[in-house]
Amino acid sequence: MKNTKKNIRNRKKKNTKKRKRRKKKKKKLKMPIRLIWRSSNYKMLCLLLILFIVTLVVIGLYFFPLGTIFTVVTSRKTIGLQLRFVVNDTAVGAANIAAVGAANRTVNNGTTVEGLWFNFSCELFRFYAYSAFYDDRISLLSDPVIRIIAISDPFEALSKDSHVICVLQYRDRIETFKMADAPLAVGYGWPLKKKEAMEYVYTCPTKLGRIPQAVGIRISGSGNAATSLLPVTVPRKPDVKREMCLCVQVAFGSLDPSRLIEWLELQRLLGVTTVGVYDLSVSGAGRRVFEHYAKEGLVDLRRTREIHPNEDRHHLLQGSPVINDCIYRHMHEFRRIAVFDFDEFVMPRRHSNLPDLVDHLDRHYSDTGSPYVNYAFRNQFFFLDLAPDESVPSRFTVLRFRTKVAISAEGYSVKSVINPQACTHMHNHYCWGVTDNYTKYGATASVSPELAVNQHYKKCHLPEAECRSLMQNVTRDDVMLTLKSDLVRAVDAKTEELRVELEGVTYEP
């Protein structure tokens, strides 16, 4: 009996000890976790881990959004991803979103349609865009931007409550930005549908490192979505830059094929390797000449069209926009870009060609400690009303007309050679603004007439009394004779080459 009671007590003691050991184990397991959690280092580690996971999720959603397909599908309905072109103010639907980034502007029947203006107008503001470029020049000292070459209502006419909104189409999403800066004017305006319109370069911001495929414009407060998207052009960046490109304001009407051949061959002799030509309405023989030189590679021939049909002197409104298109298109390909008209030549008097002259000017102004970005050449008329040298064949205008009137006043009808890494917006005569990196330099230097002038060949267009006065004080200038043999040989060879192409094509002055 005693043994039985003793055994029971022993078992109770053992069970009590086991229970105590279990409690101690539980306490040992819980206590370290509490102590660790109370540790500030552990809390910081957990917070960093959570932050890292959240960052990964955000980055993943940015580059691979879950709603990509939904966004693209719905955005087709909301802002119109289909391309639409303006032909005489009529919209023509294009294929699909895949065509947005295409180099050519093709409509849904497969026909290439060049030179169309994209219509972003609404009831509050008219806006027509010709082209858009990705501008990532280092000299901006900022993130890359999109430059839109456009004609619109005067920007000042936009109410203070309204803003220009940039609609950027990326590969996987659509983003909108408020245009922060006022547009850059590139002209003095001209009536469009009897209402004043202006030439501008508009600027849209971008996200660093991301190039949009296309851009659209809408006006806040108008209630209208962007109904078209304009392809964004990324300018070529060759490994080696060429020396000189020439951009010309819009070409129109009937152009003398002989004078065009002479003009192009002389520009080639002066060191120009590409001429940007924009055809608005060139007819007959002039068009054939441009097409020939385009096949040869000297001319980069592009089209532009009327925004509205039968507009009076519409070429005056398109002159500066096409010059800026040419500059942005070729800004990384050439060291310098010249802007002349079809009746003008900058003829160096101490150098063999334009690149040599520009090199001299660069060295000269650098040595003086006052470098300039662009160079302007003063105007001097060689009026075709003056007596020509009859011993020279009629197809050589610059060799026949070697009599000049007094040089024009400083700043009058000058022509420029610019630095395309610096110029942000260009008028027919001057570059009107430079990038931030070049603001510390002089914008434009007026070149001494002893080095070169802008030789301008045309009939006197001034008031009759002023023409008579100018032509009473004339001087003989034989500087063009230094290129006579090379020019005659080049023009004659090209005229013979084009003889078959021009056969039967009429030219009406």
Protein backbone atom coordinates (compact mmCIF):
# COMPACT_ATOMS: atom_id res chain seq x y z
CA MET A 1 0.00 0.00 0.00
CA LYS A 2 2.79 2.30 0.99
CA ASN A 3 4.63 1.45 -2.21
CA THR A 4 1.55 2.23 -4.25
CA LYS A 5 1.13 5.66 -2.66
CA LYS A 6 4.80 6.35 -3.12
CA ASN A 7 4.60 5.43 -6.80
CA ILE A 8 1.66 7.76 -7.29
CA ARG A 9 3.54 10.66 -5.66
CA ASN A 10 6.58 9.98 -7.82
CA ARG A 11 4.46 10.00 -10.97
CA LYS A 12 2.85 13.30 -9.94
CA LYS A 13 6.27 14.83 -9.35
CA LYS A 14 7.47 13.61 -12.72
CA ASN A 15 4.38 15.01 -14.46
CA THR A 16 4.81 18.33 -12.68
CA LYS A 17 8.45 18.49 -13.76
CA LYS A 18 7.46 17.71 -17.37
CA ARG A 19 4.88 20.47 -17.36
CA LYS A 20 7.43 22.94 -16.01
CA ARG A 21 9.96 21.89 -18.66
CA ARG A 22 7.33 22.39 -21.40
CA LYS A 23 6.52 25.88 -20.09
CA LYS A 24 10.22 26.74 -20.02
CA LYS A 25 10.60 25.58 -23.64
CA LYS A 26 7.66 27.72 -24.72
CA LYS A 27 9.13 30.70 -22.92
CA LYS A 28 12.51 30.05 -24.52
CA LEU A 29 10.87 30.02 -27.98
CA LYS A 30 8.84 33.20 -27.43
CA MET A 31 11.36 35.34 -25.68
CA PRO A 32 13.97 35.55 -28.47
CA ILE A 33 11.30 36.65 -31.01
CA ARG A 34 10.12 39.39 -28.68
CA LEU A 35 13.64 40.48 -28.01
CA ILE A 36 14.51 40.47 -31.71
CA TRP A 37 11.39 42.46 -32.66
CA ARG A 38 12.21 45.00 -29.98
CA SER A 39 15.60 45.43 -31.67
CA SER A 40 15.71 48.61 -33.87
CA ASN A 41 18.14 46.92 -36.29
CA TYR A 42 15.66 44.17 -37.05
CA LYS A 43 12.86 46.69 -37.60
CA MET A 44 15.07 48.65 -40.02
CA LEU A 45 15.94 45.47 -41.90
CA CYS A 46 12.27 44.59 -42.29
CA LEU A 47 11.40 48.07 -43.49
CA LEU A 48 14.22 48.01 -46.05
CA LEU A 49 13.07 44.62 -47.31
CA ILE A 50 9.49 45.89 -47.71
CA LEU A 51 10.75 49.01 -49.50
CA PHE A 52 12.86 46.91 -51.86
CA ILE A 53 9.88 44.68 -52.75
CA VAL A 54 7.64 47.71 -53.35
CA THR A 55 10.33 49.29 -55.59
CA LEU A 56 10.58 46.14 -57.68
CA VAL A 57 6.81 46.07 -58.11
CA VAL A 58 6.69 49.76 -59.18
CA ILE A 59 9.51 49.31 -61.71
CA GLY A 60 7.84 46.22 -63.08
CA LEU A 61 4.53 48.01 -63.51
CA TYR A 62 6.25 50.97 -65.17
CA PHE A 63 7.91 48.92 -67.89
CA PHE A 64 5.37 46.10 -68.09
CA PRO A 65 2.01 47.55 -67.07
CA LEU A 66 -0.69 45.01 -66.28
CA GLY A 67 -3.21 46.98 -68.30
CA THR A 68 -1.11 47.50 -71.40
CA ILE A 69 -3.53 45.76 -73.73
CA PHE A 70 -6.52 47.42 -72.09
CA THR A 71 -4.80 50.84 -72.31
CA VAL A 72 -4.05 50.50 -76.01
CA VAL A 73 -7.52 49.22 -76.86
CA THR A 74 -9.36 51.87 -74.85
CA SER A 75 -7.03 54.65 -75.97
CA ARG A 76 -7.97 53.90 -79.56
CA LYS A 77 -11.47 54.96 -78.62
CA THR A 78 -10.60 57.87 -76.35
CA ILE A 79 -7.91 59.75 -78.23
CA GLY A 80 -7.93 58.16 -81.63
CA LEU A 81 -4.76 56.18 -82.31
CA GLN A 82 -5.62 55.84 -85.96
CA LEU A 83 -3.67 58.24 -88.16
CA ARG A 84 -5.61 61.01 -89.82
CA PHE A 85 -4.24 63.38 -92.42
CA VAL A 86 -5.37 66.79 -93.59
CA VAL A 87 -5.85 67.05 -97.34
CA ASN A 88 -7.48 70.36 -98.13
CA ASP A 89 -8.85 70.28 -94.57
CA THR A 90 -10.41 66.82 -95.09
CA ALA A 91 -9.42 63.91 -92.82
CA VAL A 92 -8.25 60.67 -94.44
CA GLY A 93 -8.12 57.62 -92.10
CA ALA A 94 -4.93 55.53 -92.14
CA ALA A 95 -4.27 51.90 -91.38
CA ASN A 96 -3.60 51.29 -87.69
CA ILE A 97 -1.34 51.96 -84.72
CA ALA A 98 1.55 50.08 -86.33
CA ALA A 99 1.73 52.78 -88.97
CA VAL A 100 2.14 55.56 -86.42
CA GLY A 101 5.95 55.45 -86.41
CA ALA A 102 6.30 54.90 -90.14
CA ALA A 103 8.64 57.18 -92.06
CA ASN A 104 6.14 57.68 -94.88
CA ARG A 105 2.59 58.87 -94.35
CA THR A 106 0.52 56.12 -95.93
CA VAL A 107 -3.25 55.99 -96.15
CA ASN A 108 -5.23 52.75 -95.91
CA ASN A 109 -5.17 52.03 -99.63
CA GLY A 110 -1.37 51.80 -99.52
CA THR A 111 -0.74 55.10 -101.32
CA THR A 112 2.14 57.21 -100.01
CA VAL A 113 0.95 60.72 -99.22
CA GLU A 114 3.74 63.19 -98.55
CA GLY A 115 3.66 66.68 -97.15
CA LEU A 116 0.32 66.50 -95.37
CA TRP A 117 -0.41 68.76 -92.42
CA PHE A 118 -1.91 67.09 -89.34
CA ASN A 119 -5.01 68.84 -88.05
CA PHE A 120 -5.14 69.27 -84.25
CA SER A 121 -7.59 72.17 -84.38
CA CYS A 122 -10.58 72.63 -82.08
CA GLU A 123 -13.22 75.32 -81.72
CA LEU A 124 -10.90 77.32 -79.43
CA PHE A 125 -7.67 77.19 -81.41
CA ARG A 126 -6.46 76.23 -84.88
CA PHE A 127 -3.35 74.03 -84.93
CA TYR A 128 -1.74 72.38 -87.99
CA ALA A 129 1.49 70.37 -87.61
CA TYR A 130 3.88 69.46 -90.41
CA SER A 131 6.46 67.32 -88.58
CA ALA A 132 7.85 66.36 -85.17
CA PHE A 133 11.45 65.64 -84.14
CA TYR A 134 13.16 64.07 -81.14
CA ASP A 135 15.69 66.66 -79.95
CA ASP A 136 18.34 65.23 -77.61
CA ARG A 137 21.15 67.70 -78.30
CA ILE A 138 23.62 67.87 -75.41
CA SER A 139 23.61 71.64 -75.76
CA LEU A 140 20.01 71.77 -74.44
CA LEU A 141 21.40 71.16 -70.92
CA SER A 142 18.09 69.45 -70.18
CA ASP A 143 16.12 66.29 -70.86
CA PRO A 144 15.28 65.58 -74.53
CA VAL A 145 12.20 67.26 -75.99
CA ILE A 146 9.90 66.89 -78.99
CA ARG A 147 9.92 69.77 -81.49
CA ILE A 148 6.71 70.22 -83.50
CA ILE A 149 6.89 72.32 -86.67
CA ALA A 150 3.47 73.96 -86.89
CA ILE A 151 1.19 76.73 -88.09
CA SER A 152 -1.44 77.84 -85.59
CA ASP A 153 -3.50 80.76 -84.41
CA PRO A 154 -1.32 83.33 -82.65
CA PHE A 155 -0.41 81.76 -79.30
CA GLU A 156 -1.45 84.93 -77.49
CA ALA A 157 -5.02 84.32 -78.71
CA LEU A 158 -5.27 81.23 -76.49
CA SER A 159 -7.20 82.08 -73.33
CA LYS A 160 -5.37 82.01 -69.99
CA ASP A 161 -7.61 79.18 -68.81
CA SER A 162 -6.61 76.96 -71.76
CA HIS A 163 -3.37 75.08 -72.23
CA VAL A 164 -1.70 73.11 -75.00
CA ILE A 165 -1.53 69.43 -73.99
CA CYS A 166 1.04 67.07 -75.52
CA VAL A 167 -0.20 63.51 -76.08
CA LEU A 168 2.79 61.17 -76.40
CA GLN A 169 2.36 57.64 -77.77
CA TYR A 170 5.03 55.26 -76.44
CA ARG A 171 5.39 51.59 -77.34
CA ASP A 172 3.38 50.46 -74.34
CA ARG A 173 1.43 53.47 -73.12
CA ILE A 174 0.05 56.94 -73.78
CA GLU A 175 1.10 59.85 -71.61
CA THR A 176 -0.01 63.47 -71.55
CA PHE A 177 1.98 66.53 -70.50
CA LYS A 178 1.05 70.16 -70.22
CA MET A 179 3.23 72.23 -72.54
CA ALA A 180 5.21 74.37 -70.13
CA ASP A 181 6.91 76.79 -72.52
CA ALA A 182 5.46 79.20 -75.05
CA PRO A 183 6.15 78.20 -78.67
CA LEU A 184 9.08 79.64 -80.59
CA ALA A 185 7.96 81.94 -83.40
CA VAL A 186 9.74 81.44 -86.74
CA GLY A 187 7.85 83.94 -88.86
CA TYR A 188 5.67 87.06 -88.91
CA GLY A 189 2.40 85.35 -89.81
CA TRP A 190 -0.01 85.48 -92.74
CA PRO A 191 -3.80 85.18 -93.04
CA LEU A 192 -5.23 81.66 -93.28
CA LYS A 193 -8.92 81.57 -94.18
CA LYS A 194 -8.92 85.36 -93.67
CA LYS A 195 -7.75 84.97 -90.09
CA GLU A 196 -4.21 85.60 -88.85
CA ALA A 197 -2.01 82.52 -88.44
CA MET A 198 1.58 82.19 -87.23
CA GLU A 199 4.54 79.89 -87.82
CA TYR A 200 5.94 78.21 -84.70
CA VAL A 201 8.18 75.51 -83.28
CA TYR A 202 6.25 74.00 -80.35
CA THR A 203 8.10 72.01 -77.65
CA CYS A 204 6.78 68.97 -75.76
CA PRO A 205 8.59 67.43 -72.77
CA THR A 206 9.54 63.73 -72.68
CA LYS A 207 10.62 61.16 -70.13
CA LEU A 208 14.41 60.79 -70.10
CA GLY A 209 15.52 57.77 -72.08
CA ARG A 210 12.15 57.10 -73.73
CA ILE A 211 11.46 58.10 -77.32
CA PRO A 212 7.76 58.37 -78.23
CA GLN A 213 6.56 56.88 -81.48
CA ALA A 214 4.11 59.68 -82.14
CA VAL A 215 2.73 62.89 -80.70
CA GLY A 216 -0.68 64.51 -80.69
CA ILE A 217 -1.97 67.90 -79.54
CA ARG A 218 -5.14 68.85 -77.74
CA ILE A 219 -6.32 72.05 -76.08
CA SER A 220 -7.51 71.87 -72.49
CA GLY A 221 -11.04 73.09 -72.00
CA SER A 222 -12.03 72.33 -75.58
CA GLY A 223 -13.65 68.99 -74.78
CA ASN A 224 -11.93 67.52 -77.84
CA ALA A 225 -9.59 64.54 -77.74
CA ALA A 226 -6.54 64.41 -80.02
CA THR A 227 -7.92 63.06 -83.29
CA SER A 228 -4.57 62.31 -84.92
CA LEU A 229 -1.04 61.29 -84.06
CA LEU A 230 2.00 62.66 -85.85
CA PRO A 231 5.00 60.32 -86.26
CA VAL A 232 8.09 61.45 -84.32
CA THR A 233 11.25 61.51 -86.44
CA VAL A 234 14.55 60.62 -84.77
CA PRO A 235 17.25 62.46 -86.77
CA ARG A 236 20.14 60.41 -88.13
CA LYS A 237 23.46 60.48 -86.25
CA PRO A 238 26.23 59.35 -88.60
CA ASP A 239 29.67 58.49 -87.23
CA VAL A 240 31.26 61.24 -89.33
CA LYS A 241 29.63 64.62 -89.93
CA ARG A 242 29.69 66.28 -93.33
CA GLU A 243 30.55 69.95 -93.75
CA MET A 244 27.66 71.87 -95.29
CA CYS A 245 23.92 71.45 -95.88
CA LEU A 246 21.70 74.08 -97.51
CA CYS A 247 18.05 74.57 -96.53
CA VAL A 248 15.75 76.55 -98.82
CA GLN A 249 12.33 78.02 -98.10
CA VAL A 250 9.37 76.44 -99.86
CA ALA A 251 9.52 76.05 -103.68
CA PHE A 252 6.42 76.91 -105.72
CA GLY A 253 5.20 77.86 -109.19
CA SER A 254 7.14 77.82 -112.42
CA LEU A 255 10.94 77.76 -111.97
CA ASP A 256 13.41 78.27 -114.82
CA PRO A 257 15.20 74.90 -115.27
CA SER A 258 18.38 76.60 -116.57
CA ARG A 259 18.64 78.80 -113.49
CA LEU A 260 17.96 75.83 -111.20
CA ILE A 261 20.74 73.79 -112.80
CA GLU A 262 23.14 76.73 -112.51
CA TRP A 263 22.12 77.35 -108.88
CA LEU A 264 22.53 73.72 -107.81
CA GLU A 265 25.84 73.22 -109.62
CA LEU A 266 27.28 76.43 -108.18
CA GLN A 267 26.20 75.45 -104.65
CA ARG A 268 27.95 72.13 -105.19
CA LEU A 269 31.13 73.93 -106.28
CA LEU A 270 30.90 76.05 -103.12
CA GLY A 271 31.02 72.97 -100.90
CA VAL A 272 27.33 72.11 -100.31
CA THR A 273 26.68 68.35 -100.28
CA THR A 274 22.93 68.28 -99.50
CA VAL A 275 20.18 70.73 -100.46
CA GLY A 276 16.83 70.43 -98.66
CA VAL A 277 14.03 71.33 -101.13
CA TYR A 278 10.32 71.41 -100.19
CA ASP A 279 7.94 71.38 -103.14
CA LEU A 280 4.61 73.14 -102.57
CA SER A 281 3.50 73.53 -106.18
CA VAL A 282 6.51 73.39 -108.53
CA SER A 283 5.34 72.67 -112.06
CA GLY A 284 6.77 71.14 -115.21
CA ALA A 285 10.47 71.44 -115.89
CA GLY A 286 11.41 72.71 -112.44
CA ARG A 287 9.97 69.58 -110.83
CA ARG A 288 11.90 67.36 -113.30
CA VAL A 289 15.17 69.09 -112.36
CA PHE A 290 14.58 68.56 -108.64
CA GLU A 291 13.65 64.91 -109.17
CA HIS A 292 16.84 64.35 -111.18
CA TYR A 293 19.07 65.83 -108.48
CA ALA A 294 17.15 63.90 -105.82
CA LYS A 295 17.99 60.61 -107.57
CA GLU A 296 21.58 61.77 -107.80
CA GLY A 297 21.69 62.48 -104.05
CA LEU A 298 22.41 66.22 -104.01
CA VAL A 299 18.77 67.20 -103.30
CA ASP A 300 16.67 65.93 -100.40
CA LEU A 301 13.29 66.49 -102.07
CA ARG A 302 10.17 66.59 -99.90
CA ARG A 303 6.57 67.68 -100.39
CA THR A 304 4.40 70.12 -98.54
CA ARG A 305 0.77 70.90 -99.32
CA GLU A 306 -1.73 73.66 -98.86
CA ILE A 307 -3.64 73.50 -95.60
CA HIS A 308 -6.65 75.06 -97.33
CA PRO A 309 -7.10 75.17 -101.11
CA ASN A 310 -6.76 78.36 -103.11
CA GLU A 311 -5.22 80.41 -100.32
CA ASP A 312 -3.65 83.66 -101.51
CA ARG A 313 0.19 83.55 -101.37
CA HIS A 314 0.13 80.53 -99.08
CA HIS A 315 3.86 79.99 -99.69
CA LEU A 316 4.57 82.97 -97.42
CA LEU A 317 3.18 81.02 -94.45
CA GLN A 318 5.09 77.82 -95.23
CA GLY A 319 8.52 79.33 -95.92
CA SER A 320 9.93 79.22 -92.39
CA PRO A 321 8.31 75.93 -91.23
CA VAL A 322 10.02 73.91 -93.97
CA ILE A 323 13.38 75.57 -93.20
CA ASN A 324 13.05 74.42 -89.58
CA ASP A 325 12.03 70.93 -90.70
CA CYS A 326 15.19 70.79 -92.80
CA ILE A 327 17.40 71.99 -89.94
CA TYR A 328 16.03 69.53 -87.37
CA ARG A 329 16.12 66.68 -89.88
CA HIS A 330 19.83 67.21 -90.64
CA MET A 331 21.07 68.74 -87.37
CA HIS A 332 23.33 65.80 -86.46
CA GLU A 333 24.61 65.14 -89.99
CA PHE A 334 26.35 68.46 -90.73
CA ARG A 335 28.70 70.83 -88.97
CA ARG A 336 26.97 73.83 -90.53
CA ILE A 337 23.67 74.54 -92.28
CA ALA A 338 23.18 77.45 -94.68
CA VAL A 339 19.81 79.09 -95.40
CA PHE A 340 19.60 80.76 -98.85
CA ASP A 341 16.94 81.30 -101.52
CA PHE A 342 16.96 80.02 -105.11
CA ASP A 343 18.28 83.35 -106.42
CA GLU A 344 21.09 83.79 -103.88
CA PHE A 345 24.71 82.72 -103.44
CA VAL A 346 27.21 83.47 -100.69
CA MET A 347 30.39 83.73 -102.73
CA PRO A 348 33.66 83.70 -100.72
CA ARG A 349 36.17 86.30 -101.91
CA ARG A 350 39.29 84.96 -100.21
CA HIS A 351 38.48 81.29 -99.79
CA SER A 352 37.76 78.50 -102.22
CA ASN A 353 34.44 77.39 -100.71
CA LEU A 354 31.96 77.93 -97.87
CA PRO A 355 33.41 75.35 -95.42
CA ASP A 356 36.85 77.01 -95.71
CA LEU A 357 35.28 80.42 -95.12
CA VAL A 358 33.41 79.19 -92.04
CA ASP A 359 36.59 77.58 -90.65
CA HIS A 360 38.33 80.93 -91.04
CA LEU A 361 35.49 82.72 -89.23
CA ASP A 362 35.52 80.17 -86.40
CA ARG A 363 39.26 80.64 -85.88
CA HIS A 364 39.05 84.42 -86.17
CA TYR A 365 36.33 84.87 -83.54
CA SER A 366 37.84 82.25 -81.22
CA ASP A 367 41.20 84.06 -81.33
CA THR A 368 39.52 87.36 -80.41
CA GLY A 369 37.93 85.70 -77.37
CA SER A 370 34.39 86.42 -78.62
CA PRO A 371 33.18 83.28 -80.45
CA TYR A 372 29.92 83.48 -82.36
CA VAL A 373 27.41 80.72 -83.01
CA ASN A 374 26.03 81.81 -86.42
CA TYR A 375 27.21 84.00 -89.29
CA ALA A 376 25.06 86.46 -91.27
CA PHE A 377 26.06 87.76 -94.73
CA ARG A 378 24.95 91.18 -95.91
CA ASN A 379 22.74 91.47 -98.97
CA GLN A 380 23.92 92.89 -102.30
CA PHE A 381 21.66 93.03 -105.35
CA PHE A 382 22.81 92.12 -108.84
CA PHE A 383 19.65 93.37 -110.53
CA LEU A 384 18.64 91.61 -113.74
CA ASP A 385 17.39 94.99 -115.03
CA LEU A 386 21.04 96.03 -115.51
CA ALA A 387 22.89 95.36 -118.75
CA PRO A 388 24.32 91.81 -118.98
CA ASP A 389 27.58 90.63 -120.54
CA GLU A 390 26.25 89.56 -123.95
CA SER A 391 29.35 87.45 -124.65
CA VAL A 392 28.16 84.90 -122.08
CA PRO A 393 25.39 82.41 -123.06
CA SER A 394 21.96 83.19 -121.60
CA ARG A 395 21.87 80.03 -119.46
CA PHE A 396 24.55 81.50 -117.15
CA THR A 397 22.83 84.19 -115.08
CA VAL A 398 25.62 84.73 -112.53
CA LEU A 399 28.27 85.01 -115.27
CA ARG A 400 26.22 87.38 -117.43
CA PHE A 401 25.03 89.76 -114.67
CA ARG A 402 28.16 91.01 -112.92
CA THR A 403 27.04 94.55 -112.12
CA LYS A 404 25.98 95.28 -108.55
CA VAL A 405 24.30 98.18 -106.76
CA ALA A 406 25.40 99.52 -103.38
CA ILE A 407 25.38 96.98 -100.57
CA SER A 408 22.14 96.87 -98.57
CA ALA A 409 21.89 98.30 -95.08
CA GLU A 410 23.09 96.18 -92.18
CA GLY A 411 20.43 93.58 -91.31
CA TYR A 412 18.41 94.01 -94.52
CA SER A 413 17.65 90.70 -96.28
CA VAL A 414 20.74 88.98 -94.85
CA LYS A 415 21.29 85.23 -95.19
CA SER A 416 22.90 83.00 -92.58
CA VAL A 417 25.10 79.99 -91.99
CA ILE A 418 24.19 78.45 -88.63
CA ASN A 419 25.45 75.91 -86.13
CA PRO A 420 22.68 73.25 -86.02
CA GLN A 421 23.76 72.11 -82.54
CA ALA A 422 22.89 75.59 -81.28
CA CYS A 423 19.94 76.99 -83.23
CA THR A 424 16.47 76.28 -81.80
CA HIS A 425 14.31 78.21 -84.29
CA MET A 426 15.19 79.78 -87.61
CA HIS A 427 13.64 82.49 -89.73
CA ASN A 428 14.52 82.89 -93.40
CA HIS A 429 17.20 85.45 -92.51
CA TYR A 430 18.40 84.85 -88.94
CA CYS A 431 18.50 82.16 -86.28
CA TRP A 432 16.12 83.57 -83.67
CA GLY A 433 17.27 81.56 -80.65
CA VAL A 434 19.96 79.20 -79.34
CA THR A 435 20.15 76.34 -76.84
CA ASP A 436 21.13 77.04 -73.22
CA ASN A 437 24.75 75.96 -73.67
CA TYR A 438 25.28 78.61 -76.37
CA THR A 439 23.67 81.58 -74.65
CA LYS A 440 27.10 82.52 -73.26
CA TYR A 441 28.35 83.15 -76.82
CA GLY A 442 27.43 85.84 -79.32
CA ALA A 443 24.37 84.66 -81.25
CA THR A 444 25.14 85.97 -84.76
CA ALA A 445 28.14 87.77 -86.24
CA SER A 446 27.77 90.03 -89.27
CA VAL A 447 30.48 88.94 -91.70
CA SER A 448 32.64 91.58 -93.32
CA PRO A 449 31.71 92.22 -97.00
CA GLU A 450 35.41 91.89 -97.77
CA LEU A 451 35.10 88.17 -97.03
CA ALA A 452 31.70 87.47 -98.63
CA VAL A 453 28.25 88.89 -99.28
CA ASN A 454 24.89 87.39 -100.16
CA GLN A 455 24.78 87.93 -103.93
CA HIS A 456 21.12 88.34 -104.84
CA TYR A 457 20.02 88.00 -108.50
CA LYS A 458 16.53 89.32 -109.29
CA LYS A 459 14.67 92.13 -111.02
CA CYS A 460 14.33 95.26 -108.92
CA HIS A 461 11.23 94.81 -106.74
CA LEU A 462 11.51 98.12 -104.88
CA PRO A 463 9.52 101.31 -105.57
CA GLU A 464 10.35 102.69 -109.02
CA ALA A 465 12.11 105.80 -107.74
CA GLU A 466 14.29 103.75 -105.40
CA CYS A 467 15.19 101.34 -108.22
CA ARG A 468 16.26 104.23 -110.47
CA SER A 469 18.36 105.71 -107.68
CA LEU A 470 20.11 102.43 -106.89
CA MET A 471 20.88 101.63 -110.53
CA GLN A 472 22.55 104.99 -111.06
CA ASN A 473 25.35 103.95 -108.71
CA VAL A 474 26.65 100.57 -109.85
CA THR A 475 29.95 98.69 -109.75
CA ARG A 476 31.40 95.87 -111.82
CA ASP A 477 32.14 92.72 -109.80
CA ASP A 478 33.94 89.83 -111.52
CA VAL A 479 34.36 87.53 -108.52
CA MET A 480 32.17 84.87 -110.16
CA LEU A 481 34.63 84.56 -113.02
CA THR A 482 36.99 82.68 -110.68
CA LEU A 483 34.62 79.71 -111.00
CA LYS A 484 33.73 80.25 -114.66
CA SER A 485 35.45 77.23 -116.21
CA ASP A 486 34.26 74.78 -113.53
CA LEU A 487 30.73 76.19 -113.59
CA VAL A 488 30.41 76.14 -117.40
CA ARG A 489 31.68 72.56 -117.55
CA ALA A 490 29.31 71.38 -114.78
CA VAL A 491 26.23 73.18 -116.14
CA ASP A 492 26.80 72.05 -119.73
CA ALA A 493 27.28 68.42 -118.66
CA LYS A 494 24.13 68.47 -116.54
CA THR A 495 22.08 70.25 -119.22
CA GLU A 496 23.01 67.54 -121.71
CA GLU A 497 22.24 64.85 -119.13
CA LEU A 498 18.79 66.35 -118.53
CA ARG A 499 18.04 67.09 -122.19
CA VAL A 500 15.95 63.96 -122.73
CA GLU A 501 14.11 64.33 -119.39
CA LEU A 502 13.18 67.95 -120.18
CA GLU A 503 12.23 67.29 -123.79
CA GLY A 504 8.66 68.37 -124.40
CA VAL A 505 8.27 69.81 -120.86
CA THR A 506 7.18 73.42 -121.00
CA TYR A 507 8.47 76.27 -118.88
CA GLU A 508 6.36 79.40 -118.56
CA PRO A 509 8.10 82.30 -116.78
